Amino acid sequence: MCGICGVYEYRSLNPASREVLSGMLSVIQHRGPDDEGVYFDKALAMGMRRLSIIDLQGGRQPISNEDESVHVVFNGEIYNYGDLREGLRVRGHKLQTASDTEVIVHLYEELGEECVRELRGMFTFAVWDRSRKRLLLARDRLGIKPLYYAEIQGGMVFGSEIKALLQHPELQPRLDRIALSNY
């Protein structure tokens, strides 16, 4: 199953909270009992819980590119990752794992947000471009793998489950009657 989550304080002078990320990861532990990985870069904190399926030993996340300027956390499966890996190698990329997650990092290096167009499968991911201070959140076209996000004062939170977002102290569950009637 796996799960991702994170906090991006893009308008705040405060660093993203390690405590909040820890709480977010705790409530989605059931999504990935095999491993946990985190990445911090001042305004950004992102993490994932992993259920190991592909590349059991080498697929630890977050995964980065060679110079560690791009990092990814991922939930899902990329069906065409074998073909994508081969194309990336031919074009000079050095892949360190046999994981489908790593192709996302290198496709992002080449194509930016258009990397999503190359992916076939069911997925949710967050790519952090450290040099551009840019966060890309994406999910598969059918929404098979969930991705939720919410704005907070000075930033945003995201995750594979709503209860992960609710670990942020600014978010409190409340009923939106207009949205409910529209639904």
C-alpha atoms as a PDB file:
ATOM      1  CA  MET A   1       0.000   0.000   0.000  1.00  0.00           C
ATOM      2  CA  CYS A   2       2.508   2.739   1.156  1.00  0.00           C
ATOM      3  CA  GLY A   3       1.723   6.325   2.054  1.00  0.00           C
ATOM      4  CA  ILE A   4       3.259   9.768   1.688  1.00  0.00           C
ATOM      5  CA  CYS A   5       2.841  13.026   3.575  1.00  0.00           C
ATOM      6  CA  GLY A   6       4.465  16.389   4.065  1.00  0.00           C
ATOM      7  CA  VAL A   7       4.413  20.039   5.038  1.00  0.00           C
ATOM      8  CA  TYR A   8       5.612  22.905   2.845  1.00  0.00           C
ATOM      9  CA  GLU A   9       5.865  26.270   4.620  1.00  0.00           C
ATOM     10  CA  TYR A  10       6.432  28.299   1.450  1.00  0.00           C
ATOM     11  CA  ARG A  11       5.272  31.658   2.864  1.00  0.00           C
ATOM     12  CA  SER A  12       6.585  31.232   6.364  1.00  0.00           C
ATOM     13  CA  LEU A  13       9.962  32.106   7.836  1.00  0.00           C
ATOM     14  CA  ASN A  14       9.684  29.077  10.108  1.00  0.00           C
ATOM     15  CA  PRO A  15      11.137  25.719   9.117  1.00  0.00           C
ATOM     16  CA  ALA A  16       8.705  22.882   8.489  1.00  0.00           C
ATOM     17  CA  SER A  17       7.967  21.035  11.723  1.00  0.00           C
ATOM     18  CA  ARG A  18       9.651  17.695  12.315  1.00  0.00           C
ATOM     19  CA  GLU A  19       7.109  17.008  15.064  1.00  0.00           C
ATOM     20  CA  VAL A  20       4.163  17.525  12.723  1.00  0.00           C
ATOM     21  CA  LEU A  21       5.729  15.254  10.095  1.00  0.00           C
ATOM     22  CA  SER A  22       6.355  12.608  12.736  1.00  0.00           C
ATOM     23  CA  GLY A  23       2.693  12.746  13.763  1.00  0.00           C
ATOM     24  CA  MET A  24       1.589  12.517  10.141  1.00  0.00           C
ATOM     25  CA  LEU A  25       3.741   9.442   9.571  1.00  0.00           C
ATOM     26  CA  SER A  26       2.492   7.812  12.766  1.00  0.00           C
ATOM     27  CA  VAL A  27      -1.151   7.879  11.705  1.00  0.00           C
ATOM     28  CA  ILE A  28      -0.384   6.294   8.319  1.00  0.00           C
ATOM     29  CA  GLN A  29       1.936   3.614   9.691  1.00  0.00           C
ATOM     30  CA  HIS A  30      -0.577   0.932   8.674  1.00  0.00           C
ATOM     31  CA  ARG A  31      -0.016   1.901   5.018  1.00  0.00           C
ATOM     32  CA  GLY A  32       3.636   0.871   5.178  1.00  0.00           C
ATOM     33  CA  PRO A  33       4.861  -1.274   8.028  1.00  0.00           C
ATOM     34  CA  ASP A  34       8.214  -2.143   6.394  1.00  0.00           C
ATOM     35  CA  ASP A  35      10.032   1.188   6.408  1.00  0.00           C
ATOM     36  CA  GLU A  36       9.844   4.910   7.022  1.00  0.00           C
ATOM     37  CA  GLY A  37      11.834   7.644   5.321  1.00  0.00           C
ATOM     38  CA  VAL A  38      11.961  11.405   5.756  1.00  0.00           C
ATOM     39  CA  TYR A  39      13.521  14.405   4.045  1.00  0.00           C
ATOM     40  CA  PHE A  40      13.874  17.940   5.412  1.00  0.00           C
ATOM     41  CA  ASP A  41      14.934  21.122   3.633  1.00  0.00           C
ATOM     42  CA  LYS A  42      14.094  24.194   5.709  1.00  0.00           C
ATOM     43  CA  ALA A  43      10.556  24.997   4.561  1.00  0.00           C
ATOM     44  CA  LEU A  44       9.825  21.427   3.442  1.00  0.00           C
ATOM     45  CA  ALA A  45       9.342  18.244   5.427  1.00  0.00           C
ATOM     46  CA  MET A  46       8.188  15.137   3.585  1.00  0.00           C
ATOM     47  CA  GLY A  47       8.077  11.479   4.401  1.00  0.00           C
ATOM     48  CA  MET A  48       6.700   8.113   3.503  1.00  0.00           C
ATOM     49  CA  ARG A  49       5.708   4.781   4.953  1.00  0.00           C
ATOM     50  CA  ARG A  50       6.685   1.824   2.781  1.00  0.00           C
ATOM     51  CA  LEU A  51       5.262  -1.573   2.068  1.00  0.00           C
ATOM     52  CA  SER A  52       8.205  -3.197   0.238  1.00  0.00           C
ATOM     53  CA  ILE A  53       7.228  -4.808  -3.063  1.00  0.00           C
ATOM     54  CA  ILE A  54       9.773  -3.807  -5.749  1.00  0.00           C
ATOM     55  CA  ASP A  55      13.523  -3.682  -4.950  1.00  0.00           C
ATOM     56  CA  LEU A  56      13.087  -4.869  -1.389  1.00  0.00           C
ATOM     57  CA  GLN A  57      16.625  -3.908  -0.316  1.00  0.00           C
ATOM     58  CA  GLY A  58      17.439  -0.866  -2.473  1.00  0.00           C
ATOM     59  CA  GLY A  59      14.105   0.903  -2.761  1.00  0.00           C
ATOM     60  CA  ARG A  60      14.315   2.996   0.435  1.00  0.00           C
ATOM     61  CA  GLN A  61      12.762   6.429   0.133  1.00  0.00           C
ATOM     62  CA  PRO A  62      13.070   9.320  -0.241  1.00  0.00           C
ATOM     63  CA  ILE A  63      15.155   8.734  -3.361  1.00  0.00           C
ATOM     64  CA  SER A  64      17.244  11.477  -4.940  1.00  0.00           C
ATOM     65  CA  ASN A  65      19.131  12.126  -8.138  1.00  0.00           C
ATOM     66  CA  GLU A  66      22.940  11.999  -8.328  1.00  0.00           C
ATOM     67  CA  ASP A  67      23.599  15.507  -6.967  1.00  0.00           C
ATOM     68  CA  GLU A  68      20.721  15.331  -4.453  1.00  0.00           C
ATOM     69  CA  SER A  69      18.983  18.373  -5.925  1.00  0.00           C
ATOM     70  CA  VAL A  70      15.746  16.430  -6.574  1.00  0.00           C
ATOM     71  CA  HIS A  71      14.040  14.148  -4.032  1.00  0.00           C
ATOM     72  CA  VAL A  72      10.881  12.042  -4.290  1.00  0.00           C
ATOM     73  CA  VAL A  73       8.488  10.169  -2.031  1.00  0.00           C
ATOM     74  CA  PHE A  74       6.175   7.797  -3.858  1.00  0.00           C
ATOM     75  CA  ASN A  75       3.194   5.522  -3.360  1.00  0.00           C
ATOM     76  CA  GLY A  76       2.139   3.162  -6.097  1.00  0.00           C
ATOM     77  CA  GLU A  77       3.498   1.204  -9.007  1.00  0.00           C
ATOM     78  CA  ILE A  78       4.844   2.394 -12.357  1.00  0.00           C
ATOM     79  CA  TYR A  79       4.019  -0.375 -14.826  1.00  0.00           C
ATOM     80  CA  ASN A  80       6.349   0.865 -17.575  1.00  0.00           C
ATOM     81  CA  TYR A  81       9.313   1.589 -15.299  1.00  0.00           C
ATOM     82  CA  GLY A  82      11.526  -1.025 -16.992  1.00  0.00           C
ATOM     83  CA  ASP A  83      11.298   0.740 -20.341  1.00  0.00           C
ATOM     84  CA  LEU A  84      11.683   4.132 -18.681  1.00  0.00           C
ATOM     85  CA  ARG A  85      14.802   2.954 -16.775  1.00  0.00           C
ATOM     86  CA  GLU A  86      16.424   1.726 -19.956  1.00  0.00           C
ATOM     87  CA  GLY A  87      15.737   5.009 -21.758  1.00  0.00           C
ATOM     88  CA  LEU A  88      17.138   6.998 -18.829  1.00  0.00           C
ATOM     89  CA  ARG A  89      20.328   4.888 -18.773  1.00  0.00           C
ATOM     90  CA  VAL A  90      20.818   5.345 -22.508  1.00  0.00           C
ATOM     91  CA  ARG A  91      20.513   9.104 -21.985  1.00  0.00           C
ATOM     92  CA  GLY A  92      23.254   9.042 -19.338  1.00  0.00           C
ATOM     93  CA  HIS A  93      21.432   8.817 -16.027  1.00  0.00           C
ATOM     94  CA  LYS A  94      23.033   6.720 -13.294  1.00  0.00           C
ATOM     95  CA  LEU A  95      20.336   4.799 -11.470  1.00  0.00           C
ATOM     96  CA  GLN A  96      21.331   3.448  -8.065  1.00  0.00           C
ATOM     97  CA  THR A  97      18.351   1.163  -7.391  1.00  0.00           C
ATOM     98  CA  ALA A  98      16.063  -1.260  -9.186  1.00  0.00           C
ATOM     99  CA  SER A  99      13.066   0.668  -7.834  1.00  0.00           C
ATOM    100  CA  ASP A 100      10.309   2.156  -9.951  1.00  0.00           C
ATOM    101  CA  THR A 101      10.488   5.216  -7.684  1.00  0.00           C
ATOM    102  CA  GLU A 102      13.870   6.288  -9.002  1.00  0.00           C
ATOM    103  CA  VAL A 103      12.638   6.750 -12.579  1.00  0.00           C
ATOM    104  CA  ILE A 104      10.410   9.596 -11.362  1.00  0.00           C
ATOM    105  CA  VAL A 105      13.409  11.623 -10.130  1.00  0.00           C
ATOM    106  CA  HIS A 106      15.281  11.318 -13.413  1.00  0.00           C
ATOM    107  CA  LEU A 107      12.222  11.906 -15.582  1.00  0.00           C
ATOM    108  CA  TYR A 108      11.574  15.057 -13.563  1.00  0.00           C
ATOM    109  CA  GLU A 109      15.150  16.209 -14.260  1.00  0.00           C
ATOM    110  CA  GLU A 110      14.501  15.885 -17.985  1.00  0.00           C
ATOM    111  CA  LEU A 111      10.866  16.918 -18.306  1.00  0.00           C
ATOM    112  CA  GLY A 112       9.882  18.842 -15.195  1.00  0.00           C
ATOM    113  CA  GLU A 113       6.186  18.491 -14.388  1.00  0.00           C
ATOM    114  CA  GLU A 114       5.612  16.899 -17.790  1.00  0.00           C
ATOM    115  CA  CYS A 115       7.276  13.738 -16.403  1.00  0.00           C
ATOM    116  CA  VAL A 116       3.803  12.639 -15.325  1.00  0.00           C
ATOM    117  CA  ARG A 117       2.815  12.123 -18.966  1.00  0.00           C
ATOM    118  CA  GLU A 118       5.383   9.317 -19.314  1.00  0.00           C
ATOM    119  CA  LEU A 119       4.159   7.308 -16.328  1.00  0.00           C
ATOM    120  CA  ARG A 120       1.768   4.390 -16.718  1.00  0.00           C
ATOM    121  CA  GLY A 121       0.419   2.980 -13.519  1.00  0.00           C
ATOM    122  CA  MET A 122      -1.208   3.882 -10.247  1.00  0.00           C
ATOM    123  CA  PHE A 123       0.679   6.436  -8.214  1.00  0.00           C
ATOM    124  CA  THR A 124       0.911   9.427  -5.961  1.00  0.00           C
ATOM    125  CA  PHE A 125       4.178  11.250  -5.467  1.00  0.00           C
ATOM    126  CA  ALA A 126       5.837  14.400  -4.215  1.00  0.00           C
ATOM    127  CA  VAL A 127       8.980  15.694  -5.944  1.00  0.00           C
ATOM    128  CA  TRP A 128      11.046  18.357  -4.219  1.00  0.00           C
ATOM    129  CA  ASP A 129      13.300  20.384  -6.519  1.00  0.00           C
ATOM    130  CA  ARG A 130      15.730  21.860  -4.007  1.00  0.00           C
ATOM    131  CA  SER A 131      17.489  24.249  -6.397  1.00  0.00           C
ATOM    132  CA  ARG A 132      14.218  25.757  -7.646  1.00  0.00           C
ATOM    133  CA  LYS A 133      12.428  25.499  -4.265  1.00  0.00           C
ATOM    134  CA  ARG A 134       9.562  23.800  -6.043  1.00  0.00           C
ATOM    135  CA  LEU A 135       7.237  21.029  -4.891  1.00  0.00           C
ATOM    136  CA  LEU A 136       5.383  18.933  -7.450  1.00  0.00           C
ATOM    137  CA  LEU A 137       2.496  16.789  -6.228  1.00  0.00           C
ATOM    138  CA  ALA A 138       0.950  14.333  -8.671  1.00  0.00           C
ATOM    139  CA  ARG A 139      -1.334  11.346  -8.803  1.00  0.00           C
ATOM    140  CA  ASP A 140      -2.409   8.904 -11.484  1.00  0.00           C
ATOM    141  CA  ARG A 141      -5.076   9.961 -13.946  1.00  0.00           C
ATOM    142  CA  LEU A 142      -7.808   7.847 -12.368  1.00  0.00           C
ATOM    143  CA  GLY A 143      -6.991   8.744  -8.790  1.00  0.00           C
ATOM    144  CA  ILE A 144      -6.410   5.129  -7.801  1.00  0.00           C
ATOM    145  CA  LYS A 145      -3.789   6.209  -5.274  1.00  0.00           C
ATOM    146  CA  PRO A 146      -5.157   8.939  -3.014  1.00  0.00           C
ATOM    147  CA  LEU A 147      -3.668  12.398  -2.535  1.00  0.00           C
ATOM    148  CA  TYR A 148      -5.146  15.010  -0.226  1.00  0.00           C
ATOM    149  CA  TYR A 149      -3.882  18.507   0.435  1.00  0.00           C
ATOM    150  CA  ALA A 150      -4.917  21.578   2.365  1.00  0.00           C
ATOM    151  CA  GLU A 151      -3.729  25.149   2.634  1.00  0.00           C
ATOM    152  CA  ILE A 152      -2.448  26.341   5.979  1.00  0.00           C
ATOM    153  CA  GLN A 153      -1.288  29.805   6.973  1.00  0.00           C
ATOM    154  CA  GLY A 154       1.991  30.222   5.146  1.00  0.00           C
ATOM    155  CA  GLY A 155       1.925  26.945   3.291  1.00  0.00           C
ATOM    156  CA  MET A 156       0.292  23.598   2.675  1.00  0.00           C
ATOM    157  CA  VAL A 157       0.122  20.023   3.911  1.00  0.00           C
ATOM    158  CA  PHE A 158      -0.395  16.870   1.852  1.00  0.00           C
ATOM    159  CA  GLY A 159      -0.831  13.176   2.414  1.00  0.00           C
ATOM    160  CA  SER A 160      -2.260   9.855   1.362  1.00  0.00           C
ATOM    161  CA  GLU A 161      -4.973  10.113   4.012  1.00  0.00           C
ATOM    162  CA  ILE A 162      -6.929  13.023   5.440  1.00  0.00           C
ATOM    163  CA  LYS A 163      -6.049  11.997   8.972  1.00  0.00           C
ATOM    164  CA  ALA A 164      -2.386  12.707   8.168  1.00  0.00           C
ATOM    165  CA  LEU A 165      -3.282  16.303   7.269  1.00  0.00           C
ATOM    166  CA  LEU A 166      -5.251  16.662  10.495  1.00  0.00           C
ATOM    167  CA  GLN A 167      -2.035  16.186  12.469  1.00  0.00           C
ATOM    168  CA  HIS A 168      -1.138  19.778  11.611  1.00  0.00           C
ATOM    169  CA  PRO A 169      -2.270  22.058  14.453  1.00  0.00           C
ATOM    170  CA  GLU A 170      -3.878  24.575  12.065  1.00  0.00           C
ATOM    171  CA  LEU A 171      -6.292  22.013  10.622  1.00  0.00           C
ATOM    172  CA  GLN A 172      -9.381  21.054  12.546  1.00  0.00           C
ATOM    173  CA  PRO A 173     -12.113  18.855  11.119  1.00  0.00           C
ATOM    174  CA  ARG A 174     -15.361  20.728  10.556  1.00  0.00           C
ATOM    175  CA  LEU A 175     -18.393  20.172   8.409  1.00  0.00           C
ATOM    176  CA  ASP A 176     -18.780  22.414   5.359  1.00  0.00           C
ATOM    177  CA  ARG A 177     -22.561  22.365   4.856  1.00  0.00           C
ATOM    178  CA  ILE A 178     -22.386  23.978   1.402  1.00  0.00           C
ATOM    179  CA  ALA A 179     -19.899  21.405   0.159  1.00  0.00           C
ATOM    180  CA  LEU A 180     -21.987  18.615   1.685  1.00  0.00           C
ATOM    181  CA  SER A 181     -25.152  19.792  -0.083  1.00  0.00           C
ATOM    182  CA  ASN A 182     -23.238  20.097  -3.384  1.00  0.00           C
ATOM    183  CA  TYR A 183     -21.970  16.573  -2.922  1.00  0.00           C
END
